[in-house]
Every structure is written in C-alpha cells, then in structure tokens.
Amino acid sequence: MINEKEIPRLNVRIGEFCIDMGWVSINKKKEKICGDYFHIVEEEDNHVLVLSDGLGSGVKANVLSTLTARMLSTMIAGKVP
C-alpha cells in the first residue's frame, strides 16, 4: 500500500496557471528498478515534463526510457526543431 504522504510532489505556477504533480514508480515483481521514467526541466519561463515507457521492465527498459526522456526534454526545452 502506498502512503499518500510519502508521494513526491511538485507544484509549478506558470502565469495564472498552477500545476500540481505527484508520482510513484512501482517495479514489477522481482525487478530492482522500474522500466518507466520521467524527466522535468524547469527554467524561469519554461517547464517541460516528459514521461517515457521503457517497453519492458528492469535495467534495460530503465536505461532506454531514461535516455529517451532526457534527450526529448532537452530538445524541447532548447527549442530544437
């Protein structure tokens, strides 16, 4: 059971809008690491949140989803076409 008080939270205010996020990663049985990943880039006037599914479980899925999320969030924040 997940204790709601232990869930990491992020509150972002952008102009008149406010975004409140919370997240939990749950590993599959016998896996030491989750295959899904998220990455947040916070800048003064720009916030990017990318969620990535590793299409599997375990270390290999985590590595692929981490690389994908970090690359995409960097490209979006840097306005790469």
PDB file of N, CA and C in Angstrom:
ATOM      1  N   MET A   1       0.843  -1.182   0.000  1.00  0.00           N
ATOM      2  CA  MET A   1       0.000   0.000   0.000  1.00  0.00           C
ATOM      3  C   MET A   1       0.886   1.242   0.000  1.00  0.00           C
ATOM      4  N   ILE A   2       0.518   2.231  -0.773  1.00  0.00           N
ATOM      5  CA  ILE A   2       1.290   3.467  -0.882  1.00  0.00           C
ATOM      6  C   ILE A   2       0.731   4.506   0.078  1.00  0.00           C
ATOM      7  N   ASN A   3       1.614   5.063   0.903  1.00  0.00           N
ATOM      8  CA  ASN A   3       1.230   6.124   1.818  1.00  0.00           C
ATOM      9  C   ASN A   3       1.241   7.442   1.050  1.00  0.00           C
ATOM     10  N   GLU A   4       0.107   8.095   0.950  1.00  0.00           N
ATOM     11  CA  GLU A   4      -0.015   9.315   0.153  1.00  0.00           C
ATOM     12  C   GLU A   4       0.906  10.429   0.638  1.00  0.00           C
ATOM     13  N   LYS A   5       1.265  10.433   1.909  1.00  0.00           N
ATOM     14  CA  LYS A   5       2.152  11.464   2.439  1.00  0.00           C
ATOM     15  C   LYS A   5       3.587  11.291   1.950  1.00  0.00           C
ATOM     16  N   GLU A   6       3.944  10.090   1.483  1.00  0.00           N
ATOM     17  CA  GLU A   6       5.296   9.812   1.019  1.00  0.00           C
ATOM     18  C   GLU A   6       5.473  10.039  -0.477  1.00  0.00           C
ATOM     19  N   ILE A   7       4.410  10.384  -1.187  1.00  0.00           N
ATOM     20  CA  ILE A   7       4.488  10.592  -2.635  1.00  0.00           C
ATOM     21  C   ILE A   7       5.176  11.923  -2.919  1.00  0.00           C
ATOM     22  N   PRO A   8       6.277  11.896  -3.715  1.00  0.00           N
ATOM     23  CA  PRO A   8       6.920  13.161  -4.079  1.00  0.00           C
ATOM     24  C   PRO A   8       5.955  14.045  -4.868  1.00  0.00           C
ATOM     25  N   ARG A   9       5.997  15.335  -4.608  1.00  0.00           N
ATOM     26  CA  ARG A   9       5.090  16.262  -5.280  1.00  0.00           C
ATOM     27  C   ARG A   9       5.865  17.452  -5.804  1.00  0.00           C
ATOM     28  N   LEU A  10       5.339  18.036  -6.865  1.00  0.00           N
ATOM     29  CA  LEU A  10       5.917  19.231  -7.463  1.00  0.00           C
ATOM     30  C   LEU A  10       4.776  20.189  -7.778  1.00  0.00           C
ATOM     31  N   ASN A  11       4.925  21.417  -7.380  1.00  0.00           N
ATOM     32  CA  ASN A  11       3.914  22.438  -7.653  1.00  0.00           C
ATOM     33  C   ASN A  11       4.563  23.520  -8.511  1.00  0.00           C
ATOM     34  N   VAL A  12       4.008  23.762  -9.691  1.00  0.00           N
ATOM     35  CA  VAL A  12       4.560  24.737 -10.633  1.00  0.00           C
ATOM     36  C   VAL A  12       3.505  25.789 -10.926  1.00  0.00           C
ATOM     37  N   ARG A  13       3.880  27.048 -10.840  1.00  0.00           N
ATOM     38  CA  ARG A  13       2.979  28.144 -11.190  1.00  0.00           C
ATOM     39  C   ARG A  13       3.516  28.817 -12.442  1.00  0.00           C
ATOM     40  N   ILE A  14       2.679  28.849 -13.480  1.00  0.00           N
ATOM     41  CA  ILE A  14       3.034  29.476 -14.750  1.00  0.00           C
ATOM     42  C   ILE A  14       1.968  30.523 -15.044  1.00  0.00           C
ATOM     43  N   GLY A  15       2.317  31.782 -14.833  1.00  0.00           N
ATOM     44  CA  GLY A  15       1.336  32.850 -15.029  1.00  0.00           C
ATOM     45  C   GLY A  15       0.160  32.638 -14.103  1.00  0.00           C
ATOM     46  N   GLU A  16      -1.018  32.543 -14.679  1.00  0.00           N
ATOM     47  CA  GLU A  16      -2.228  32.342 -13.881  1.00  0.00           C
ATOM     48  C   GLU A  16      -2.563  30.868 -13.680  1.00  0.00           C
ATOM     49  N   PHE A  17      -1.743  29.971 -14.239  1.00  0.00           N
ATOM     50  CA  PHE A  17      -1.990  28.535 -14.125  1.00  0.00           C
ATOM     51  C   PHE A  17      -1.106  27.910 -13.059  1.00  0.00           C
ATOM     52  N   CYS A  18      -1.627  26.862 -12.421  1.00  0.00           N
ATOM     53  CA  CYS A  18      -0.870  26.135 -11.408  1.00  0.00           C
ATOM     54  C   CYS A  18      -0.999  24.640 -11.708  1.00  0.00           C
ATOM     55  N   ILE A  19       0.131  23.943 -11.718  1.00  0.00           N
ATOM     56  CA  ILE A  19       0.138  22.509 -11.972  1.00  0.00           C
ATOM     57  C   ILE A  19       0.680  21.817 -10.726  1.00  0.00           C
ATOM     58  N   ASP A  20      -0.076  20.879 -10.205  1.00  0.00           N
ATOM     59  CA  ASP A  20       0.333  20.109  -9.032  1.00  0.00           C
ATOM     60  C   ASP A  20       0.509  18.665  -9.486  1.00  0.00           C
ATOM     61  N   MET A  21       1.728  18.124  -9.348  1.00  0.00           N
ATOM     62  CA  MET A  21       2.013  16.776  -9.826  1.00  0.00           C
ATOM     63  C   MET A  21       2.528  15.911  -8.683  1.00  0.00           C
ATOM     64  N   GLY A  22       2.242  14.649  -8.764  1.00  0.00           N
ATOM     65  CA  GLY A  22       2.792  13.663  -7.850  1.00  0.00           C
ATOM     66  C   GLY A  22       3.113  12.411  -8.645  1.00  0.00           C
ATOM     67  N   TRP A  23       4.062  11.604  -8.180  1.00  0.00           N
ATOM     68  CA  TRP A  23       4.438  10.437  -8.954  1.00  0.00           C
ATOM     69  C   TRP A  23       4.877   9.294  -8.052  1.00  0.00           C
ATOM     70  N   VAL A  24       4.672   8.091  -8.581  1.00  0.00           N
ATOM     71  CA  VAL A  24       5.105   6.869  -7.897  1.00  0.00           C
ATOM     72  C   VAL A  24       5.563   5.894  -8.977  1.00  0.00           C
ATOM     73  N   SER A  25       6.723   5.291  -8.792  1.00  0.00           N
ATOM     74  CA  SER A  25       7.207   4.246  -9.695  1.00  0.00           C
ATOM     75  C   SER A  25       7.113   2.924  -8.957  1.00  0.00           C
ATOM     76  N   ILE A  26       6.453   1.972  -9.571  1.00  0.00           N
ATOM     77  CA  ILE A  26       6.276   0.663  -8.949  1.00  0.00           C
ATOM     78  C   ILE A  26       6.941  -0.380  -9.840  1.00  0.00           C
ATOM     79  N   ASN A  27       7.906  -1.095  -9.286  1.00  0.00           N
ATOM     80  CA  ASN A  27       8.624  -2.118 -10.039  1.00  0.00           C
ATOM     81  C   ASN A  27       7.773  -3.368 -10.176  1.00  0.00           C
ATOM     82  N   LYS A  28       8.004  -4.096 -11.273  1.00  0.00           N
ATOM     83  CA  LYS A  28       7.370  -5.398 -11.410  1.00  0.00           C
ATOM     84  C   LYS A  28       7.964  -6.355 -10.385  1.00  0.00           C
ATOM     85  N   LYS A  29       7.302  -7.459 -10.173  1.00  0.00           N
ATOM     86  CA  LYS A  29       7.791  -8.455  -9.216  1.00  0.00           C
ATOM     87  C   LYS A  29       9.223  -8.863  -9.558  1.00  0.00           C
ATOM     88  N   LYS A  30      10.056  -8.942  -8.559  1.00  0.00           N
ATOM     89  CA  LYS A  30      11.441  -9.390  -8.654  1.00  0.00           C
ATOM     90  C   LYS A  30      12.354  -8.426  -9.410  1.00  0.00           C
ATOM     91  N   GLU A  31      11.865  -7.295  -9.894  1.00  0.00           N
ATOM     92  CA  GLU A  31      12.715  -6.324 -10.578  1.00  0.00           C
ATOM     93  C   GLU A  31      13.251  -5.327  -9.561  1.00  0.00           C
ATOM     94  N   LYS A  32      14.498  -4.903  -9.725  1.00  0.00           N
ATOM     95  CA  LYS A  32      15.106  -3.955  -8.799  1.00  0.00           C
ATOM     96  C   LYS A  32      14.880  -2.508  -9.221  1.00  0.00           C
ATOM     97  N   ILE A  33      14.489  -2.313 -10.468  1.00  0.00           N
ATOM     98  CA  ILE A  33      14.342  -0.956 -10.992  1.00  0.00           C
ATOM     99  C   ILE A  33      13.156  -0.915 -11.955  1.00  0.00           C
ATOM    100  N   CYS A  34      12.495   0.228 -12.013  1.00  0.00           N
ATOM    101  CA  CYS A  34      11.305   0.394 -12.863  1.00  0.00           C
ATOM    102  C   CYS A  34      11.726   0.729 -14.297  1.00  0.00           C
ATOM    103  N   GLY A  35      10.996   0.226 -15.282  1.00  0.00           N
ATOM    104  CA  GLY A  35      11.297   0.489 -16.682  1.00  0.00           C
ATOM    105  C   GLY A  35      10.759   1.806 -17.188  1.00  0.00           C
ATOM    106  N   ASP A  36       9.949   2.485 -16.401  1.00  0.00           N
ATOM    107  CA  ASP A  36       9.385   3.769 -16.807  1.00  0.00           C
ATOM    108  C   ASP A  36      10.183   4.899 -16.162  1.00  0.00           C
ATOM    109  N   TYR A  37      10.142   6.085 -16.790  1.00  0.00           N
ATOM    110  CA  TYR A  37      10.941   7.198 -16.295  1.00  0.00           C
ATOM    111  C   TYR A  37      10.258   8.511 -16.662  1.00  0.00           C
ATOM    112  N   PHE A  38      10.516   9.532 -15.873  1.00  0.00           N
ATOM    113  CA  PHE A  38      10.054  10.868 -16.227  1.00  0.00           C
ATOM    114  C   PHE A  38      11.186  11.847 -15.971  1.00  0.00           C
ATOM    115  N   HIS A  39      11.173  12.949 -16.697  1.00  0.00           N
ATOM    116  CA  HIS A  39      12.207  13.969 -16.531  1.00  0.00           C
ATOM    117  C   HIS A  39      11.552  15.345 -16.607  1.00  0.00           C
ATOM    118  N   ILE A  40      11.940  16.220 -15.686  1.00  0.00           N
ATOM    119  CA  ILE A  40      11.388  17.571 -15.632  1.00  0.00           C
ATOM    120  C   ILE A  40      12.520  18.567 -15.844  1.00  0.00           C
ATOM    121  N   VAL A  41      12.308  19.506 -16.762  1.00  0.00           N
ATOM    122  CA  VAL A  41      13.240  20.611 -16.967  1.00  0.00           C
ATOM    123  C   VAL A  41      12.510  21.876 -16.539  1.00  0.00           C
ATOM    124  N   GLU A  42      13.082  22.560 -15.562  1.00  0.00           N
ATOM    125  CA  GLU A  42      12.477  23.796 -15.062  1.00  0.00           C
ATOM    126  C   GLU A  42      13.392  24.968 -15.386  1.00  0.00           C
ATOM    127  N   GLU A  43      12.874  25.911 -16.116  1.00  0.00           N
ATOM    128  CA  GLU A  43      13.571  27.154 -16.402  1.00  0.00           C
ATOM    129  C   GLU A  43      12.674  28.297 -15.966  1.00  0.00           C
ATOM    130  N   GLU A  44      13.198  29.492 -15.987  1.00  0.00           N
ATOM    131  CA  GLU A  44      12.431  30.640 -15.495  1.00  0.00           C
ATOM    132  C   GLU A  44      11.096  30.804 -16.223  1.00  0.00           C
ATOM    133  N   ASP A  45      11.094  30.671 -17.538  1.00  0.00           N
ATOM    134  CA  ASP A  45       9.881  30.895 -18.318  1.00  0.00           C
ATOM    135  C   ASP A  45       9.407  29.656 -19.064  1.00  0.00           C
ATOM    136  N   ASN A  46       9.975  28.485 -18.735  1.00  0.00           N
ATOM    137  CA  ASN A  46       9.656  27.281 -19.489  1.00  0.00           C
ATOM    138  C   ASN A  46       9.737  26.060 -18.563  1.00  0.00           C
ATOM    139  N   HIS A  47       8.739  25.199 -18.626  1.00  0.00           N
ATOM    140  CA  HIS A  47       8.736  23.948 -17.862  1.00  0.00           C
ATOM    141  C   HIS A  47       8.387  22.816 -18.823  1.00  0.00           C
ATOM    142  N   VAL A  48       9.182  21.757 -18.802  1.00  0.00           N
ATOM    143  CA  VAL A  48       8.957  20.611 -19.680  1.00  0.00           C
ATOM    144  C   VAL A  48       8.896  19.351 -18.818  1.00  0.00           C
ATOM    145  N   LEU A  49       7.860  18.547 -19.012  1.00  0.00           N
ATOM    146  CA  LEU A  49       7.718  17.259 -18.333  1.00  0.00           C
ATOM    147  C   LEU A  49       7.574  16.194 -19.407  1.00  0.00           C
ATOM    148  N   VAL A  50       8.459  15.201 -19.393  1.00  0.00           N
ATOM    149  CA  VAL A  50       8.408  14.108 -20.356  1.00  0.00           C
ATOM    150  C   VAL A  50       8.258  12.799 -19.596  1.00  0.00           C
ATOM    151  N   LEU A  51       7.283  12.005 -19.994  1.00  0.00           N
ATOM    152  CA  LEU A  51       7.087  10.658 -19.448  1.00  0.00           C
ATOM    153  C   LEU A  51       7.537   9.663 -20.504  1.00  0.00           C
ATOM    154  N   SER A  52       8.278   8.639 -20.091  1.00  0.00           N
ATOM    155  CA  SER A  52       8.786   7.672 -21.053  1.00  0.00           C
ATOM    156  C   SER A  52       8.530   6.255 -20.560  1.00  0.00           C
ATOM    157  N   ASP A  53       8.033   5.404 -21.460  1.00  0.00           N
ATOM    158  CA  ASP A  53       7.779   3.996 -21.165  1.00  0.00           C
ATOM    159  C   ASP A  53       8.895   3.181 -21.802  1.00  0.00           C
ATOM    160  N   GLY A  54       9.590   2.391 -21.005  1.00  0.00           N
ATOM    161  CA  GLY A  54      10.722   1.610 -21.496  1.00  0.00           C
ATOM    162  C   GLY A  54      10.344   0.386 -22.299  1.00  0.00           C
ATOM    163  N   LEU A  55       9.054   0.129 -22.508  1.00  0.00           N
ATOM    164  CA  LEU A  55       8.581  -1.040 -23.252  1.00  0.00           C
ATOM    165  C   LEU A  55       9.193  -2.335 -22.726  1.00  0.00           C
ATOM    166  N   GLY A  56       9.067  -2.502 -21.448  1.00  0.00           N
ATOM    167  CA  GLY A  56       9.587  -3.690 -20.787  1.00  0.00           C
ATOM    168  C   GLY A  56       9.746  -3.397 -19.317  1.00  0.00           C
ATOM    169  N   SER A  57      10.638  -4.129 -18.686  1.00  0.00           N
ATOM    170  CA  SER A  57      10.888  -3.897 -17.266  1.00  0.00           C
ATOM    171  C   SER A  57      12.364  -4.119 -16.985  1.00  0.00           C
ATOM    172  N   GLY A  58      12.789  -3.661 -15.842  1.00  0.00           N
ATOM    173  CA  GLY A  58      14.160  -3.887 -15.417  1.00  0.00           C
ATOM    174  C   GLY A  58      15.136  -2.839 -15.921  1.00  0.00           C
ATOM    175  N   VAL A  59      16.414  -3.195 -15.808  1.00  0.00           N
ATOM    176  CA  VAL A  59      17.504  -2.261 -16.078  1.00  0.00           C
ATOM    177  C   VAL A  59      17.509  -1.795 -17.533  1.00  0.00           C
ATOM    178  N   LYS A  60      17.375  -2.712 -18.486  1.00  0.00           N
ATOM    179  CA  LYS A  60      17.438  -2.338 -19.904  1.00  0.00           C
ATOM    180  C   LYS A  60      16.328  -1.348 -20.257  1.00  0.00           C
ATOM    181  N   ALA A  61      15.115  -1.604 -19.802  1.00  0.00           N
ATOM    182  CA  ALA A  61      13.992  -0.702 -20.075  1.00  0.00           C
ATOM    183  C   ALA A  61      14.210   0.646 -19.408  1.00  0.00           C
ATOM    184  N   ASN A  62      14.792   0.643 -18.191  1.00  0.00           N
ATOM    185  CA  ASN A  62      15.046   1.894 -17.489  1.00  0.00           C
ATOM    186  C   ASN A  62      16.090   2.732 -18.213  1.00  0.00           C
ATOM    187  N   VAL A  63      17.153   2.105 -18.686  1.00  0.00           N
ATOM    188  CA  VAL A  63      18.196   2.838 -19.408  1.00  0.00           C
ATOM    189  C   VAL A  63      17.618   3.482 -20.665  1.00  0.00           C
ATOM    190  N   LEU A  64      16.855   2.725 -21.431  1.00  0.00           N
ATOM    191  CA  LEU A  64      16.275   3.260 -22.667  1.00  0.00           C
ATOM    192  C   LEU A  64      15.270   4.374 -22.396  1.00  0.00           C
ATOM    193  N   SER A  65      14.409   4.200 -21.402  1.00  0.00           N
ATOM    194  CA  SER A  65      13.416   5.234 -21.111  1.00  0.00           C
ATOM    195  C   SER A  65      14.076   6.484 -20.531  1.00  0.00           C
ATOM    196  N   THR A  66      15.134   6.316 -19.741  1.00  0.00           N
ATOM    197  CA  THR A  66      15.854   7.461 -19.182  1.00  0.00           C
ATOM    198  C   THR A  66      16.525   8.269 -20.285  1.00  0.00           C
ATOM    199  N   LEU A  67      17.235   7.597 -21.186  1.00  0.00           N
ATOM    200  CA  LEU A  67      17.891   8.292 -22.303  1.00  0.00           C
ATOM    201  C   LEU A  67      16.876   9.018 -23.177  1.00  0.00           C
ATOM    202  N   THR A  68      15.774   8.347 -23.492  1.00  0.00           N
ATOM    203  CA  THR A  68      14.743   8.947 -24.336  1.00  0.00           C
ATOM    204  C   THR A  68      14.143  10.187 -23.686  1.00  0.00           C
ATOM    205  N   ALA A  69      13.780  10.091 -22.419  1.00  0.00           N
ATOM    206  CA  ALA A  69      13.150  11.222 -21.727  1.00  0.00           C
ATOM    207  C   ALA A  69      14.103  12.405 -21.613  1.00  0.00           C
ATOM    208  N   ARG A  70      15.359  12.138 -21.277  1.00  0.00           N
ATOM    209  CA  ARG A  70      16.331  13.230 -21.133  1.00  0.00           C
ATOM    210  C   ARG A  70      16.632  13.896 -22.474  1.00  0.00           C
ATOM    211  N   MET A  71      16.785  13.102 -23.527  1.00  0.00           N
ATOM    212  CA  MET A  71      17.049  13.670 -24.851  1.00  0.00           C
ATOM    213  C   MET A  71      15.870  14.528 -25.324  1.00  0.00           C
ATOM    214  N   LEU A  72      14.656  14.002 -25.193  1.00  0.00           N
ATOM    215  CA  LEU A  72      13.482  14.727 -25.661  1.00  0.00           C
ATOM    216  C   LEU A  72      13.240  15.997 -24.854  1.00  0.00           C
ATOM    217  N   SER A  73      13.361  15.923 -23.539  1.00  0.00           N
ATOM    218  CA  SER A  73      13.125  17.120 -22.724  1.00  0.00           C
ATOM    219  C   SER A  73      14.177  18.195 -23.006  1.00  0.00           C
ATOM    220  N   THR A  74      15.424  17.786 -23.238  1.00  0.00           N
ATOM    221  CA  THR A  74      16.475  18.747 -23.593  1.00  0.00           C
ATOM    222  C   THR A  74      16.178  19.394 -24.939  1.00  0.00           C
ATOM    223  N   MET A  75      15.724  18.602 -25.904  1.00  0.00           N
ATOM    224  CA  MET A  75      15.400  19.137 -27.230  1.00  0.00           C
ATOM    225  C   MET A  75      14.218  20.099 -27.161  1.00  0.00           C
ATOM    226  N   ILE A  76      13.188  19.747 -26.409  1.00  0.00           N
ATOM    227  CA  ILE A  76      12.013  20.616 -26.302  1.00  0.00           C
ATOM    228  C   ILE A  76      12.364  21.904 -25.582  1.00  0.00           C
ATOM    229  N   ALA A  77      13.093  21.793 -24.468  1.00  0.00           N
ATOM    230  CA  ALA A  77      13.469  22.999 -23.698  1.00  0.00           C
ATOM    231  C   ALA A  77      14.388  23.897 -24.528  1.00  0.00           C
ATOM    232  N   GLY A  78      15.252  23.296 -25.347  1.00  0.00           N
ATOM    233  CA  GLY A  78      16.169  24.075 -26.182  1.00  0.00           C
ATOM    234  C   GLY A  78      15.551  24.511 -27.491  1.00  0.00           C
ATOM    235  N   LYS A  79      14.284  24.170 -27.700  1.00  0.00           N
ATOM    236  CA  LYS A  79      13.542  24.542 -28.911  1.00  0.00           C
ATOM    237  C   LYS A  79      14.223  24.027 -30.187  1.00  0.00           C
ATOM    238  N   VAL A  80      14.752  22.811 -30.099  1.00  0.00           N
ATOM    239  CA  VAL A  80      15.366  22.184 -31.269  1.00  0.00           C
ATOM    240  C   VAL A  80      14.239  21.738 -32.211  1.00  0.00           C
ATOM    241  N   PRO A  81      14.307  22.131 -33.486  1.00  0.00           N
ATOM    242  CA  PRO A  81      13.223  21.760 -34.423  1.00  0.00           C
ATOM    243  C   PRO A  81      13.192  20.278 -34.740  1.00  0.00           C
TER     244      PRO A  81
END
